Amino acid sequence: MAVLLFWEFQDVPLSLLDGWRHPCRRELVLNAMRCQNSAAEGQTIFGARFFAINQRDTVMHARNPDYQLSLGAAIGPMYGDVYEMNMLYSCYDRCKDSGTVCKNEGMPNPNNCKVCQCPSGFEGNDCSQRQASSHGLKCGETLDAGADWQILESNGVVGAGNYDSRQGNRSDPYRCTWHITAPEGKVIEYDVTFIGTKNQRNDMLCYPVCYFGGLKIKGHEKTWKPEGMKLCCAKQLNKIR
């Protein structure tokens, strides 16, 4: 079972796109859409309203609504982007005789063929390990799914614990990682019922790109390369996937 990021862009009227008024920017828009539709790996740096003339208009829609809040979340190249570029320029050929074996769709690092570049969620020299929690957090584990529904609950602060964005770092976030496994041939179902704080008011974490935190899930697709869907809004919850 996998829940990896995979989105395609729906068509929108060109009159809504500010980028179409400049030929160079038009090419940028087209290339962004073409790359994401064909490769579906990595994570776009363009937000859902990035090219809009009126910034209240949403001009990019994920065909799978579960991925809408992932649009624009990247602040730099993701593993899928690095993979595509290394494939395009044959950088991995440097390691073709290295004997390095990478698991979970990792690839030998062209700058050091003895170790692997790993998709998010994995780490280790051969990408066989669950990605460790960051900033000293004591959460995350590897679990086995069973025939009956089970409850996974994690309590505690992940992050700065407030809305002061100056204390956050999107390039080095507070992170905990769980791996849930099932026997070969079985499919994992899950239902996210709550993300937030106890007795919270309104939908306090529901912001574009889940800026103040949320849950990212990988695994719906047949590859680990893309990034995961981001969940942080009430409308995304209580849905069996």
C-alpha atoms as a PDB file:
ATOM      1  CA  MET A   1       0.000   0.000   0.000  1.00  0.00           C
ATOM      2  CA  ALA A   2       1.292   3.469  -0.837  1.00  0.00           C
ATOM      3  CA  VAL A   3       0.022   7.009  -0.527  1.00  0.00           C
ATOM      4  CA  LEU A   4       2.402   9.038  -2.645  1.00  0.00           C
ATOM      5  CA  LEU A   5       1.880  12.409  -4.194  1.00  0.00           C
ATOM      6  CA  PHE A   6       0.450  12.265  -7.688  1.00  0.00           C
ATOM      7  CA  TRP A   7      -1.480  15.119  -9.137  1.00  0.00           C
ATOM      8  CA  GLU A   8      -2.429  16.455 -12.502  1.00  0.00           C
ATOM      9  CA  PHE A   9      -3.627  19.950 -13.245  1.00  0.00           C
ATOM     10  CA  GLN A  10      -7.175  20.631 -14.346  1.00  0.00           C
ATOM     11  CA  ASP A  11      -7.704  23.054 -17.207  1.00  0.00           C
ATOM     12  CA  VAL A  12      -8.505  26.663 -16.256  1.00  0.00           C
ATOM     13  CA  PRO A  13      -9.414  29.662 -18.455  1.00  0.00           C
ATOM     14  CA  LEU A  14      -6.261  31.362 -19.733  1.00  0.00           C
ATOM     15  CA  SER A  15      -7.797  34.745 -18.930  1.00  0.00           C
ATOM     16  CA  LEU A  16      -7.278  33.960 -15.227  1.00  0.00           C
ATOM     17  CA  LEU A  17      -3.557  33.373 -15.608  1.00  0.00           C
ATOM     18  CA  ASP A  18      -1.325  36.366 -15.075  1.00  0.00           C
ATOM     19  CA  GLY A  19       1.582  34.400 -16.543  1.00  0.00           C
ATOM     20  CA  TRP A  20       0.062  34.410 -20.023  1.00  0.00           C
ATOM     21  CA  ARG A  21       0.725  38.132 -20.435  1.00  0.00           C
ATOM     22  CA  HIS A  22       4.466  37.545 -20.801  1.00  0.00           C
ATOM     23  CA  PRO A  23       5.829  34.998 -23.299  1.00  0.00           C
ATOM     24  CA  CYS A  24       8.692  33.827 -21.084  1.00  0.00           C
ATOM     25  CA  ARG A  25       6.413  33.315 -18.137  1.00  0.00           C
ATOM     26  CA  ARG A  26       3.920  31.561 -20.381  1.00  0.00           C
ATOM     27  CA  GLU A  27       6.604  29.025 -21.246  1.00  0.00           C
ATOM     28  CA  LEU A  28       7.295  28.584 -17.524  1.00  0.00           C
ATOM     29  CA  VAL A  29       3.629  27.853 -16.845  1.00  0.00           C
ATOM     30  CA  LEU A  30       3.410  25.372 -19.706  1.00  0.00           C
ATOM     31  CA  ASN A  31       6.568  23.567 -18.669  1.00  0.00           C
ATOM     32  CA  ALA A  32       5.414  23.333 -15.062  1.00  0.00           C
ATOM     33  CA  MET A  33       2.143  21.769 -16.147  1.00  0.00           C
ATOM     34  CA  ARG A  34       3.774  19.451 -18.660  1.00  0.00           C
ATOM     35  CA  CYS A  35       6.372  18.145 -16.222  1.00  0.00           C
ATOM     36  CA  GLN A  36       3.916  17.516 -13.450  1.00  0.00           C
ATOM     37  CA  ASN A  37       1.439  15.788 -15.740  1.00  0.00           C
ATOM     38  CA  SER A  38       3.978  13.477 -17.338  1.00  0.00           C
ATOM     39  CA  ALA A  39       6.337  12.650 -14.506  1.00  0.00           C
ATOM     40  CA  ALA A  40       4.099  13.257 -11.493  1.00  0.00           C
ATOM     41  CA  GLU A  41       7.182  13.120  -9.311  1.00  0.00           C
ATOM     42  CA  GLY A  42       8.453  15.748  -6.976  1.00  0.00           C
ATOM     43  CA  GLN A  43       6.367  18.590  -5.718  1.00  0.00           C
ATOM     44  CA  THR A  44       5.549  21.846  -7.448  1.00  0.00           C
ATOM     45  CA  ILE A  45       6.813  25.139  -6.062  1.00  0.00           C
ATOM     46  CA  PHE A  46       3.814  26.901  -7.609  1.00  0.00           C
ATOM     47  CA  GLY A  47       0.845  27.487  -5.332  1.00  0.00           C
ATOM     48  CA  ALA A  48      -2.748  27.089  -6.467  1.00  0.00           C
ATOM     49  CA  ARG A  49      -3.071  30.893  -7.007  1.00  0.00           C
ATOM     50  CA  PHE A  50       0.493  31.599  -8.121  1.00  0.00           C
ATOM     51  CA  PHE A  51      -0.283  32.640 -11.707  1.00  0.00           C
ATOM     52  CA  ALA A  52      -3.649  34.277 -11.028  1.00  0.00           C
ATOM     53  CA  ILE A  53      -4.351  37.857 -12.075  1.00  0.00           C
ATOM     54  CA  ASN A  54      -6.701  38.090  -9.097  1.00  0.00           C
ATOM     55  CA  GLN A  55      -4.975  36.435  -6.170  1.00  0.00           C
ATOM     56  CA  ARG A  56      -8.339  35.269  -4.869  1.00  0.00           C
ATOM     57  CA  ASP A  57      -8.717  32.978  -7.898  1.00  0.00           C
ATOM     58  CA  THR A  58      -7.502  29.394  -7.746  1.00  0.00           C
ATOM     59  CA  VAL A  59      -5.958  28.581 -11.111  1.00  0.00           C
ATOM     60  CA  MET A  60      -4.392  25.193 -10.402  1.00  0.00           C
ATOM     61  CA  HIS A  61      -6.506  22.323  -9.144  1.00  0.00           C
ATOM     62  CA  ALA A  62      -5.303  18.849  -8.274  1.00  0.00           C
ATOM     63  CA  ARG A  63      -7.410  16.295 -10.116  1.00  0.00           C
ATOM     64  CA  ASN A  64      -7.272  14.296  -6.913  1.00  0.00           C
ATOM     65  CA  PRO A  65      -8.520  16.863  -4.358  1.00  0.00           C
ATOM     66  CA  ASP A  66      -6.562  15.112  -1.617  1.00  0.00           C
ATOM     67  CA  TYR A  67      -3.414  16.700  -3.057  1.00  0.00           C
ATOM     68  CA  GLN A  68      -4.680  20.276  -3.364  1.00  0.00           C
ATOM     69  CA  LEU A  69      -2.878  21.462  -0.243  1.00  0.00           C
ATOM     70  CA  SER A  70       0.371  19.987  -1.545  1.00  0.00           C
ATOM     71  CA  LEU A  71       0.485  22.448  -4.430  1.00  0.00           C
ATOM     72  CA  GLY A  72       3.177  25.032  -3.742  1.00  0.00           C
ATOM     73  CA  ALA A  73       4.551  23.259  -0.679  1.00  0.00           C
ATOM     74  CA  ALA A  74       8.044  22.671  -2.068  1.00  0.00           C
ATOM     75  CA  ILE A  75      10.716  25.274  -1.332  1.00  0.00           C
ATOM     76  CA  GLY A  76      13.441  23.469  -3.237  1.00  0.00           C
ATOM     77  CA  PRO A  77      14.097  20.333  -5.292  1.00  0.00           C
ATOM     78  CA  MET A  78      12.460  17.206  -3.891  1.00  0.00           C
ATOM     79  CA  TYR A  79      13.735  13.677  -4.425  1.00  0.00           C
ATOM     80  CA  GLY A  80      11.583  13.223  -7.522  1.00  0.00           C
ATOM     81  CA  ASP A  81      13.056  16.386  -9.032  1.00  0.00           C
ATOM     82  CA  VAL A  82      16.615  15.268  -8.307  1.00  0.00           C
ATOM     83  CA  TYR A  83      15.867  11.840  -9.783  1.00  0.00           C
ATOM     84  CA  GLU A  84      14.453  13.326 -12.979  1.00  0.00           C
ATOM     85  CA  MET A  85      17.419  15.665 -13.485  1.00  0.00           C
ATOM     86  CA  ASN A  86      19.969  12.943 -12.804  1.00  0.00           C
ATOM     87  CA  MET A  87      18.198  10.688 -15.281  1.00  0.00           C
ATOM     88  CA  LEU A  88      17.962  13.454 -17.877  1.00  0.00           C
ATOM     89  CA  TYR A  89      21.672  14.237 -17.743  1.00  0.00           C
ATOM     90  CA  SER A  90      22.781  10.609 -17.172  1.00  0.00           C
ATOM     91  CA  CYS A  91      24.382  11.500 -13.854  1.00  0.00           C
ATOM     92  CA  TYR A  92      23.601   8.071 -12.424  1.00  0.00           C
ATOM     93  CA  ASP A  93      25.901   6.563 -15.055  1.00  0.00           C
ATOM     94  CA  ARG A  94      28.793   7.596 -12.824  1.00  0.00           C
ATOM     95  CA  CYS A  95      27.743   4.836 -10.421  1.00  0.00           C
ATOM     96  CA  LYS A  96      26.859   2.064 -12.876  1.00  0.00           C
ATOM     97  CA  ASP A  97      29.893   0.007 -11.849  1.00  0.00           C
ATOM     98  CA  SER A  98      29.791   0.863  -8.151  1.00  0.00           C
ATOM     99  CA  GLY A  99      27.845  -2.193  -7.057  1.00  0.00           C
ATOM    100  CA  THR A 100      25.741  -0.025  -4.743  1.00  0.00           C
ATOM    101  CA  VAL A 101      22.232  -1.422  -4.259  1.00  0.00           C
ATOM    102  CA  CYS A 102      19.530   0.993  -3.091  1.00  0.00           C
ATOM    103  CA  LYS A 103      16.175  -0.062  -1.699  1.00  0.00           C
ATOM    104  CA  ASN A 104      12.771   1.636  -1.831  1.00  0.00           C
ATOM    105  CA  GLU A 105      13.567   3.285  -5.166  1.00  0.00           C
ATOM    106  CA  GLY A 106      16.603   5.117  -3.923  1.00  0.00           C
ATOM    107  CA  MET A 107      19.483   5.711  -6.336  1.00  0.00           C
ATOM    108  CA  PRO A 108      23.286   5.814  -5.893  1.00  0.00           C
ATOM    109  CA  ASN A 109      24.439   9.339  -5.199  1.00  0.00           C
ATOM    110  CA  PRO A 110      26.456  10.537  -8.231  1.00  0.00           C
ATOM    111  CA  ASN A 111      28.663  12.561  -5.865  1.00  0.00           C
ATOM    112  CA  ASN A 112      29.371   9.521  -3.674  1.00  0.00           C
ATOM    113  CA  CYS A 113      28.431   6.240  -5.277  1.00  0.00           C
ATOM    114  CA  LYS A 114      28.862   4.313  -2.017  1.00  0.00           C
ATOM    115  CA  VAL A 115      25.645   5.752  -0.565  1.00  0.00           C
ATOM    116  CA  CYS A 116      22.128   6.241  -1.881  1.00  0.00           C
ATOM    117  CA  GLN A 117      19.834   9.185  -2.393  1.00  0.00           C
ATOM    118  CA  CYS A 118      16.532   8.273  -0.760  1.00  0.00           C
ATOM    119  CA  PRO A 119      12.881   9.212  -1.265  1.00  0.00           C
ATOM    120  CA  SER A 120      11.359  11.060   1.671  1.00  0.00           C
ATOM    121  CA  GLY A 121      10.339   8.660   4.416  1.00  0.00           C
ATOM    122  CA  PHE A 122      13.484   6.546   4.035  1.00  0.00           C
ATOM    123  CA  GLU A 123      17.117   6.918   5.007  1.00  0.00           C
ATOM    124  CA  GLY A 124      20.328   4.982   5.541  1.00  0.00           C
ATOM    125  CA  ASN A 125      23.157   4.218   3.144  1.00  0.00           C
ATOM    126  CA  ASP A 126      20.834   1.932   1.161  1.00  0.00           C
ATOM    127  CA  CYS A 127      17.461   3.622   1.949  1.00  0.00           C
ATOM    128  CA  SER A 128      16.301   0.580   3.923  1.00  0.00           C
ATOM    129  CA  GLN A 129      15.571   2.444   7.153  1.00  0.00           C
ATOM    130  CA  ARG A 130      12.596   4.505   8.254  1.00  0.00           C
ATOM    131  CA  GLN A 131      13.432   8.198   8.215  1.00  0.00           C
ATOM    132  CA  ALA A 132      14.280   9.219  11.771  1.00  0.00           C
ATOM    133  CA  SER A 133      12.404  11.858  13.698  1.00  0.00           C
ATOM    134  CA  SER A 134      14.022  15.280  13.622  1.00  0.00           C
ATOM    135  CA  HIS A 135      15.032  17.815  16.275  1.00  0.00           C
ATOM    136  CA  GLY A 136      15.196  15.179  19.022  1.00  0.00           C
ATOM    137  CA  LEU A 137      11.539  14.160  18.821  1.00  0.00           C
ATOM    138  CA  LYS A 138      10.696  10.731  20.286  1.00  0.00           C
ATOM    139  CA  CYS A 139       7.902   9.677  17.970  1.00  0.00           C
ATOM    140  CA  GLY A 140       7.442   7.456  14.944  1.00  0.00           C
ATOM    141  CA  GLU A 141       7.687   3.679  14.568  1.00  0.00           C
ATOM    142  CA  THR A 142       7.105   0.801  12.160  1.00  0.00           C
ATOM    143  CA  LEU A 143       3.742  -0.928  12.560  1.00  0.00           C
ATOM    144  CA  ASP A 144       1.942  -3.890  11.010  1.00  0.00           C
ATOM    145  CA  ALA A 145      -1.594  -3.523   9.686  1.00  0.00           C
ATOM    146  CA  GLY A 146      -4.070  -6.283  10.495  1.00  0.00           C
ATOM    147  CA  ALA A 147      -7.482  -7.501   9.414  1.00  0.00           C
ATOM    148  CA  ASP A 148      -9.235  -5.295  11.991  1.00  0.00           C
ATOM    149  CA  TRP A 149      -9.164  -1.522  12.370  1.00  0.00           C
ATOM    150  CA  GLN A 150      -6.480  -0.234  14.729  1.00  0.00           C
ATOM    151  CA  ILE A 151      -5.963   3.189  16.271  1.00  0.00           C
ATOM    152  CA  LEU A 152      -2.723   5.132  15.841  1.00  0.00           C
ATOM    153  CA  GLU A 153      -2.579   8.219  18.042  1.00  0.00           C
ATOM    154  CA  SER A 154       0.360  10.520  18.674  1.00  0.00           C
ATOM    155  CA  ASN A 155       0.193  13.273  21.271  1.00  0.00           C
ATOM    156  CA  GLY A 156       2.644  16.067  21.886  1.00  0.00           C
ATOM    157  CA  VAL A 157       4.043  19.114  20.198  1.00  0.00           C
ATOM    158  CA  VAL A 158       5.639  18.740  16.777  1.00  0.00           C
ATOM    159  CA  GLY A 159       7.239  22.055  15.917  1.00  0.00           C
ATOM    160  CA  ALA A 160       7.544  25.386  17.688  1.00  0.00           C
ATOM    161  CA  GLY A 161       4.087  24.958  19.214  1.00  0.00           C
ATOM    162  CA  ASN A 162       2.822  28.393  18.206  1.00  0.00           C
ATOM    163  CA  TYR A 163       1.916  30.517  15.202  1.00  0.00           C
ATOM    164  CA  ASP A 164       5.194  32.442  15.095  1.00  0.00           C
ATOM    165  CA  SER A 165       6.441  31.466  11.646  1.00  0.00           C
ATOM    166  CA  ARG A 166       9.861  32.908  12.483  1.00  0.00           C
ATOM    167  CA  GLN A 167      10.409  29.889  14.736  1.00  0.00           C
ATOM    168  CA  GLY A 168       9.683  27.453  11.938  1.00  0.00           C
ATOM    169  CA  ASN A 169      11.910  26.238   9.141  1.00  0.00           C
ATOM    170  CA  ARG A 170      10.194  24.644   6.176  1.00  0.00           C
ATOM    171  CA  SER A 171      13.514  23.391   4.853  1.00  0.00           C
ATOM    172  CA  ASP A 172      14.190  21.570   8.135  1.00  0.00           C
ATOM    173  CA  PRO A 173      10.804  20.858   9.720  1.00  0.00           C
ATOM    174  CA  TYR A 174       9.974  19.073  12.937  1.00  0.00           C
ATOM    175  CA  ARG A 175       9.059  15.618  11.699  1.00  0.00           C
ATOM    176  CA  CYS A 176       7.999  12.174  12.904  1.00  0.00           C
ATOM    177  CA  THR A 177       7.705   9.231  10.533  1.00  0.00           C
ATOM    178  CA  TRP A 178       5.635   6.067  10.758  1.00  0.00           C
ATOM    179  CA  HIS A 179       5.803   3.105   8.410  1.00  0.00           C
ATOM    180  CA  ILE A 180       2.742   0.862   8.227  1.00  0.00           C
ATOM    181  CA  THR A 181       3.251  -2.447   6.484  1.00  0.00           C
ATOM    182  CA  ALA A 182       1.000  -5.247   5.255  1.00  0.00           C
ATOM    183  CA  PRO A 183       1.613  -8.685   3.735  1.00  0.00           C
ATOM    184  CA  GLU A 184       2.303  -8.799   0.025  1.00  0.00           C
ATOM    185  CA  GLY A 185      -0.890  -8.649  -1.992  1.00  0.00           C
ATOM    186  CA  LYS A 186      -2.836  -6.856   0.763  1.00  0.00           C
ATOM    187  CA  VAL A 187      -4.005  -3.244   0.649  1.00  0.00           C
ATOM    188  CA  ILE A 188      -4.000  -0.906   3.645  1.00  0.00           C
ATOM    189  CA  GLU A 189      -7.058   1.239   4.291  1.00  0.00           C
ATOM    190  CA  TYR A 190      -6.898   4.194   6.637  1.00  0.00           C
ATOM    191  CA  ASP A 191      -9.155   6.914   7.980  1.00  0.00           C
ATOM    192  CA  VAL A 192      -7.662  10.111   9.433  1.00  0.00           C
ATOM    193  CA  THR A 193     -10.114  11.393  12.055  1.00  0.00           C
ATOM    194  CA  PHE A 194      -8.261  14.264  13.745  1.00  0.00           C
ATOM    195  CA  ILE A 195      -5.291  16.568  13.207  1.00  0.00           C
ATOM    196  CA  GLY A 196      -4.779  19.501  15.547  1.00  0.00           C
ATOM    197  CA  THR A 197      -4.748  20.362  19.226  1.00  0.00           C
ATOM    198  CA  LYS A 198      -7.057  19.406  22.053  1.00  0.00           C
ATOM    199  CA  ASN A 199     -10.126  21.651  22.336  1.00  0.00           C
ATOM    200  CA  GLN A 200      -8.971  23.678  19.340  1.00  0.00           C
ATOM    201  CA  ARG A 201     -11.124  26.486  17.998  1.00  0.00           C
ATOM    202  CA  ASN A 202     -12.266  26.372  14.397  1.00  0.00           C
ATOM    203  CA  ASP A 203     -10.022  24.737  11.814  1.00  0.00           C
ATOM    204  CA  MET A 204      -6.860  26.253  13.221  1.00  0.00           C
ATOM    205  CA  LEU A 205      -4.306  24.314  11.148  1.00  0.00           C
ATOM    206  CA  CYS A 206      -6.151  24.681   7.855  1.00  0.00           C
ATOM    207  CA  TYR A 207      -3.827  26.919   5.838  1.00  0.00           C
ATOM    208  CA  PRO A 208      -2.445  26.689   2.298  1.00  0.00           C
ATOM    209  CA  VAL A 209       0.321  24.055   1.996  1.00  0.00           C
ATOM    210  CA  CYS A 210      -0.452  23.140   5.638  1.00  0.00           C
ATOM    211  CA  TYR A 211       1.978  25.897   6.574  1.00  0.00           C
ATOM    212  CA  PHE A 212       1.662  25.459  10.347  1.00  0.00           C
ATOM    213  CA  GLY A 213       1.762  21.673  10.300  1.00  0.00           C
ATOM    214  CA  GLY A 214      -0.249  18.616   9.422  1.00  0.00           C
ATOM    215  CA  LEU A 215       0.003  15.034   8.258  1.00  0.00           C
ATOM    216  CA  LYS A 216       1.722  13.928   5.050  1.00  0.00           C
ATOM    217  CA  ILE A 217       0.901  10.473   3.705  1.00  0.00           C
ATOM    218  CA  LYS A 218       2.681   8.521   1.002  1.00  0.00           C
ATOM    219  CA  GLY A 219       1.707   5.274  -0.611  1.00  0.00           C
ATOM    220  CA  HIS A 220      -1.283   5.526  -2.942  1.00  0.00           C
ATOM    221  CA  GLU A 221       0.835   5.261  -6.055  1.00  0.00           C
ATOM    222  CA  LYS A 222       3.078   2.467  -7.291  1.00  0.00           C
ATOM    223  CA  THR A 223       6.250   4.450  -6.612  1.00  0.00           C
ATOM    224  CA  TRP A 224       7.862   6.075  -3.592  1.00  0.00           C
ATOM    225  CA  LYS A 225       9.433   8.886  -5.617  1.00  0.00           C
ATOM    226  CA  PRO A 226       6.693  11.553  -5.395  1.00  0.00           C
ATOM    227  CA  GLU A 227       5.903  13.464  -2.231  1.00  0.00           C
ATOM    228  CA  GLY A 228       2.870  12.708  -0.113  1.00  0.00           C
ATOM    229  CA  MET A 229      -0.543  14.282   0.192  1.00  0.00           C
ATOM    230  CA  LYS A 230      -0.849  16.868   2.950  1.00  0.00           C
ATOM    231  CA  LEU A 231      -3.761  16.818   5.359  1.00  0.00           C
ATOM    232  CA  CYS A 232      -4.519  19.631   7.804  1.00  0.00           C
ATOM    233  CA  CYS A 233      -8.157  20.662   7.195  1.00  0.00           C
ATOM    234  CA  ALA A 234     -11.355  19.222   8.651  1.00  0.00           C
ATOM    235  CA  LYS A 235     -12.866  18.714   5.188  1.00  0.00           C
ATOM    236  CA  GLN A 236     -10.083  16.204   4.449  1.00  0.00           C
ATOM    237  CA  LEU A 237     -10.846  14.019   7.460  1.00  0.00           C
ATOM    238  CA  ASN A 238     -13.149  11.051   8.111  1.00  0.00           C
ATOM    239  CA  LYS A 239     -12.668   9.556   4.680  1.00  0.00           C
ATOM    240  CA  ILE A 240     -11.606   5.967   4.166  1.00  0.00           C
ATOM    241  CA  ARG A 241      -8.809   5.896   1.614  1.00  0.00           C
END
